């Protein structure tokens, strides 16, 4: 049995994104999809003394692009790193995480959004010891149809079980997966424990960097893949 998930790349995603990566054998970054404005592809949230704040990679106003074609030439990296330092330097494991995270911000030259997102995702997986294969949707042949394309990608990857986020229940045709003898499983994002967090009321939906800065090597115990 091989478990597959197919999801657009996100910028420094929240912990649930990495739990889904850990839950499958192959995680396909679905960046052949159209870029969506004000979404998670190029931004995420951090906690500050003033409340939750967005960190956004500037990519222009054109949404008529695939995610894989989105580029940025702005000097956003030093600004994002400065924001992280200002708001998390008091966290217990900030220095430990900064050893490998700071070079991604101040030493990388990626201009393509898909490359940026993948670099951060892979670095975080490495720290968490998540060994899932990460591939790109353009490594495979892409067919037509919203659900058909997902099922075909899963089948091409040798998947017998497709793991999907619950939001996809609004559009996925479960029968198409049944026709291909692929089991469709809905991922559950509930039941996360709280941990010691800076700046007021606990917030689950921020970037996973918040969890790493506060919990360091114990971060996995606050996630499903270690507790399951």
Protein backbone atom coordinates (compact mmCIF):
# COMPACT_ATOMS: atom_id res chain seq x y z
CA UNK A 1 0.00 0.00 0.00
CA UNK A 2 1.29 3.45 -0.91
CA UNK A 3 -0.24 6.64 0.50
CA UNK A 4 -0.14 9.82 -1.59
CA UNK A 5 -1.16 13.43 -0.95
CA UNK A 6 -1.32 16.20 -3.58
CA UNK A 7 -1.25 19.77 -2.25
CA UNK A 8 -0.12 23.19 -3.47
CA UNK A 9 3.11 24.44 -1.94
CA UNK A 10 2.71 26.95 0.90
CA UNK A 11 5.16 29.39 2.45
CA UNK A 12 6.38 28.19 5.90
CA UNK A 13 3.10 26.25 6.42
CA UNK A 14 1.38 25.46 9.70
CA UNK A 15 1.95 22.18 11.58
CA UNK A 16 -1.04 20.43 9.98
CA UNK A 17 0.61 20.68 6.57
CA UNK A 18 3.63 18.78 7.87
CA UNK A 19 1.45 16.21 9.58
CA UNK A 20 -0.07 15.45 6.19
CA UNK A 21 3.41 15.14 4.66
CA UNK A 22 4.38 12.71 7.42
CA UNK A 23 1.18 10.70 6.94
CA UNK A 24 1.98 9.70 3.35
CA UNK A 25 4.72 7.94 1.38
CA UNK A 26 4.82 10.56 -1.37
CA UNK A 27 3.76 14.21 -1.15
CA UNK A 28 3.21 15.82 -4.54
CA UNK A 29 3.50 19.61 -4.69
CA UNK A 30 0.61 20.60 -6.93
CA UNK A 31 2.07 23.85 -8.27
CA UNK A 32 0.64 23.46 -11.76
CA UNK A 33 -2.52 24.97 -10.29
CA UNK A 34 -3.37 28.65 -10.77
CA UNK A 35 -1.91 31.02 -8.22
CA UNK A 36 -4.53 32.45 -5.87
CA UNK A 37 -4.22 35.89 -4.31
CA UNK A 38 -4.49 36.34 -0.52
CA UNK A 39 -3.91 32.64 0.04
CA UNK A 40 -1.22 30.55 1.75
CA UNK A 41 1.04 30.13 -1.29
CA UNK A 42 3.16 33.20 -0.58
CA UNK A 43 2.29 34.14 3.00
CA UNK A 44 1.78 32.84 6.52
CA UNK A 45 1.18 34.11 10.02
CA UNK A 46 3.40 34.71 13.04
CA UNK A 47 2.56 35.83 16.58
CA UNK A 48 3.61 39.26 17.81
CA UNK A 49 2.87 41.38 20.91
CA UNK A 50 0.33 43.21 18.75
CA UNK A 51 -1.40 40.02 17.65
CA UNK A 52 -1.11 37.77 14.61
CA UNK A 53 0.85 39.29 11.71
CA UNK A 54 1.23 38.20 8.09
CA UNK A 55 4.62 37.52 6.52
CA UNK A 56 4.05 37.93 2.79
CA UNK A 57 6.40 37.31 -0.13
CA UNK A 58 5.64 40.08 -2.68
CA UNK A 59 4.80 38.55 -6.04
CA UNK A 60 2.87 41.28 -7.87
CA UNK A 61 -0.82 41.50 -8.69
CA UNK A 62 -1.06 39.09 -11.64
CA UNK A 63 -3.07 36.00 -10.65
CA UNK A 64 -3.18 34.60 -14.20
CA UNK A 65 -0.17 32.39 -13.53
CA UNK A 66 0.45 28.91 -12.33
CA UNK A 67 2.07 28.75 -8.91
CA UNK A 68 5.20 27.32 -10.52
CA UNK A 69 5.49 30.42 -12.73
CA UNK A 70 5.25 32.98 -9.92
CA UNK A 71 8.47 34.93 -9.28
CA UNK A 72 9.63 37.69 -6.98
CA UNK A 73 12.55 40.07 -7.27
CA UNK A 74 11.85 41.99 -4.06
CA UNK A 75 14.26 41.88 -1.11
CA UNK A 76 11.76 40.28 1.22
CA UNK A 77 14.12 37.82 2.98
CA UNK A 78 15.87 40.27 5.36
CA UNK A 79 12.51 41.81 6.31
CA UNK A 80 10.98 38.42 7.14
CA UNK A 81 14.02 37.31 9.09
CA UNK A 82 14.08 40.55 11.09
CA UNK A 83 10.40 40.03 11.97
CA UNK A 84 11.09 36.48 13.14
CA UNK A 85 14.05 37.62 15.25
CA UNK A 86 12.08 40.44 16.83
CA UNK A 87 9.16 38.23 17.81
CA UNK A 88 10.79 34.88 18.62
CA UNK A 89 14.28 35.58 19.96
CA UNK A 90 12.94 34.99 23.50
CA UNK A 91 11.59 31.55 22.57
CA UNK A 92 13.42 28.64 24.21
CA UNK A 93 14.81 27.11 21.00
CA UNK A 94 15.23 30.16 18.78
CA UNK A 95 19.03 29.94 18.56
CA UNK A 96 18.94 26.24 17.71
CA UNK A 97 16.45 26.73 14.87
CA UNK A 98 18.20 29.89 13.64
CA UNK A 99 21.35 27.87 12.85
CA UNK A 100 19.70 26.33 9.79
CA UNK A 101 16.82 28.75 9.21
CA UNK A 102 18.74 32.01 8.98
CA UNK A 103 20.79 30.87 5.94
CA UNK A 104 17.56 30.11 4.09
CA UNK A 105 16.55 33.74 4.53
CA UNK A 106 19.87 35.52 4.19
CA UNK A 107 21.89 33.12 2.07
CA UNK A 108 19.47 31.92 -0.61
CA UNK A 109 18.80 33.53 -3.98
CA UNK A 110 15.65 31.74 -5.15
CA UNK A 111 13.35 33.97 -7.22
CA UNK A 112 10.71 31.35 -8.01
CA UNK A 113 7.92 30.89 -5.45
CA UNK A 114 7.72 27.11 -5.87
CA UNK A 115 11.47 26.81 -5.26
CA UNK A 116 11.28 29.07 -2.21
CA UNK A 117 8.41 27.11 -0.68
CA UNK A 118 9.99 23.75 -1.37
CA UNK A 119 13.32 24.82 0.14
CA UNK A 120 11.64 25.80 3.42
CA UNK A 121 9.39 22.73 3.44
CA UNK A 122 12.30 20.37 2.91
CA UNK A 123 14.45 22.06 5.56
CA UNK A 124 11.65 21.81 8.13
CA UNK A 125 11.01 18.16 7.22
CA UNK A 126 14.72 17.47 7.69
CA UNK A 127 14.65 18.98 11.17
CA UNK A 128 11.55 16.98 12.10
CA UNK A 129 13.02 13.77 10.60
CA UNK A 130 10.10 13.44 8.18
CA UNK A 131 11.43 11.19 5.39
CA UNK A 132 8.48 11.35 2.98
CA UNK A 133 9.34 11.61 -0.73
CA UNK A 134 8.47 15.09 -2.00
CA UNK A 135 7.89 15.45 -5.74
CA UNK A 136 6.42 17.99 -8.15
CA UNK A 137 3.22 17.60 -10.15
CA UNK A 138 5.16 18.29 -13.35
CA UNK A 139 7.14 15.11 -12.74
CA UNK A 140 3.98 13.37 -14.01
CA UNK A 141 1.56 13.62 -16.93
CA UNK A 142 -1.33 15.93 -16.11
CA UNK A 143 -4.77 15.12 -17.48
CA UNK A 144 -8.03 17.03 -17.51
CA UNK A 145 -10.75 17.30 -14.89
CA UNK A 146 -10.42 18.44 -11.30
CA UNK A 147 -10.85 15.09 -9.54
CA UNK A 148 -9.67 13.05 -12.53
CA UNK A 149 -6.31 14.81 -12.48
CA UNK A 150 -5.80 14.09 -8.77
CA UNK A 151 -6.73 10.44 -9.20
CA UNK A 152 -4.48 10.10 -12.25
CA UNK A 153 -1.54 11.69 -10.42
CA UNK A 154 -2.07 9.34 -7.49
CA UNK A 155 -2.22 6.33 -9.81
CA UNK A 156 0.90 7.39 -11.73
CA UNK A 157 2.75 7.65 -8.41
CA UNK A 158 1.68 4.09 -7.60
CA UNK A 159 -0.69 5.24 -4.88
CA UNK A 160 -3.38 2.96 -3.51
CA UNK A 161 -4.57 5.45 -0.90
CA UNK A 162 -5.15 9.17 -1.42
CA UNK A 163 -5.03 11.44 1.64
CA UNK A 164 -6.95 14.70 1.26
CA UNK A 165 -7.65 17.69 3.43
CA UNK A 166 -11.30 17.95 4.54
CA UNK A 167 -11.89 21.19 2.61
CA UNK A 168 -11.75 19.18 -0.63
CA UNK A 169 -15.02 17.44 0.26
CA UNK A 170 -16.72 20.38 -1.46
CA UNK A 171 -15.42 19.42 -4.91
CA UNK A 172 -13.89 15.91 -4.99
CA UNK A 173 -15.93 13.22 -6.73
CA UNK A 174 -15.27 10.18 -4.55
CA UNK A 175 -16.58 7.84 -7.26
CA UNK A 176 -13.63 8.64 -9.53
CA UNK A 177 -11.24 7.31 -6.91
CA UNK A 178 -13.36 4.21 -6.42
CA UNK A 179 -13.26 3.55 -10.17
CA UNK A 180 -9.46 3.49 -9.98
CA UNK A 181 -9.41 1.30 -6.85
CA UNK A 182 -7.83 4.10 -4.84
CA UNK A 183 -9.02 4.53 -1.26
CA UNK A 184 -9.89 8.14 -0.41
CA UNK A 185 -9.10 9.15 3.18
CA UNK A 186 -9.98 12.51 4.74
CA UNK A 187 -7.25 13.93 6.95
CA UNK A 188 -8.24 15.12 10.43
CA UNK A 189 -6.67 18.37 11.64
CA UNK A 190 -8.36 18.29 15.05
CA UNK A 191 -7.01 17.44 18.49
CA UNK A 192 -3.75 19.37 18.60
CA UNK A 193 -2.41 20.07 22.11
CA UNK A 194 -1.37 23.54 23.17
CA UNK A 195 2.22 24.39 24.05
CA UNK A 196 3.89 27.33 25.76
CA UNK A 197 3.60 30.20 23.31
CA UNK A 198 4.67 33.83 23.49
CA UNK A 199 2.33 36.77 23.14
CA UNK A 200 -1.03 36.07 24.66
CA UNK A 201 -3.83 33.68 23.78
CA UNK A 202 -2.79 30.42 22.15
CA UNK A 203 -3.11 30.25 18.36
CA UNK A 204 -2.89 26.97 16.40
CA UNK A 205 -3.01 28.31 12.86
CA UNK A 206 0.31 30.14 12.67
CA UNK A 207 3.42 28.96 10.82
CA UNK A 208 5.09 25.82 12.15
CA UNK A 209 8.14 28.00 12.87
CA UNK A 210 6.28 29.14 15.99
CA UNK A 211 6.17 25.53 17.22
CA UNK A 212 9.82 24.91 16.33
CA UNK A 213 11.05 28.06 18.09
CA UNK A 214 9.17 27.17 21.25
CA UNK A 215 9.54 23.39 21.41
CA UNK A 216 12.65 22.55 19.40
CA UNK A 217 13.33 18.79 19.32
CA UNK A 218 10.08 18.16 21.21
CA UNK A 219 8.00 19.77 18.45
CA UNK A 220 6.97 16.40 17.03
CA UNK A 221 5.20 15.53 20.27
CA UNK A 222 2.82 18.41 19.61
CA UNK A 223 2.00 16.91 16.20
CA UNK A 224 -0.03 13.91 15.10
CA UNK A 225 2.67 11.96 13.32
CA UNK A 226 4.75 11.42 16.47
CA UNK A 227 1.79 10.91 18.80
CA UNK A 228 0.01 8.44 16.51
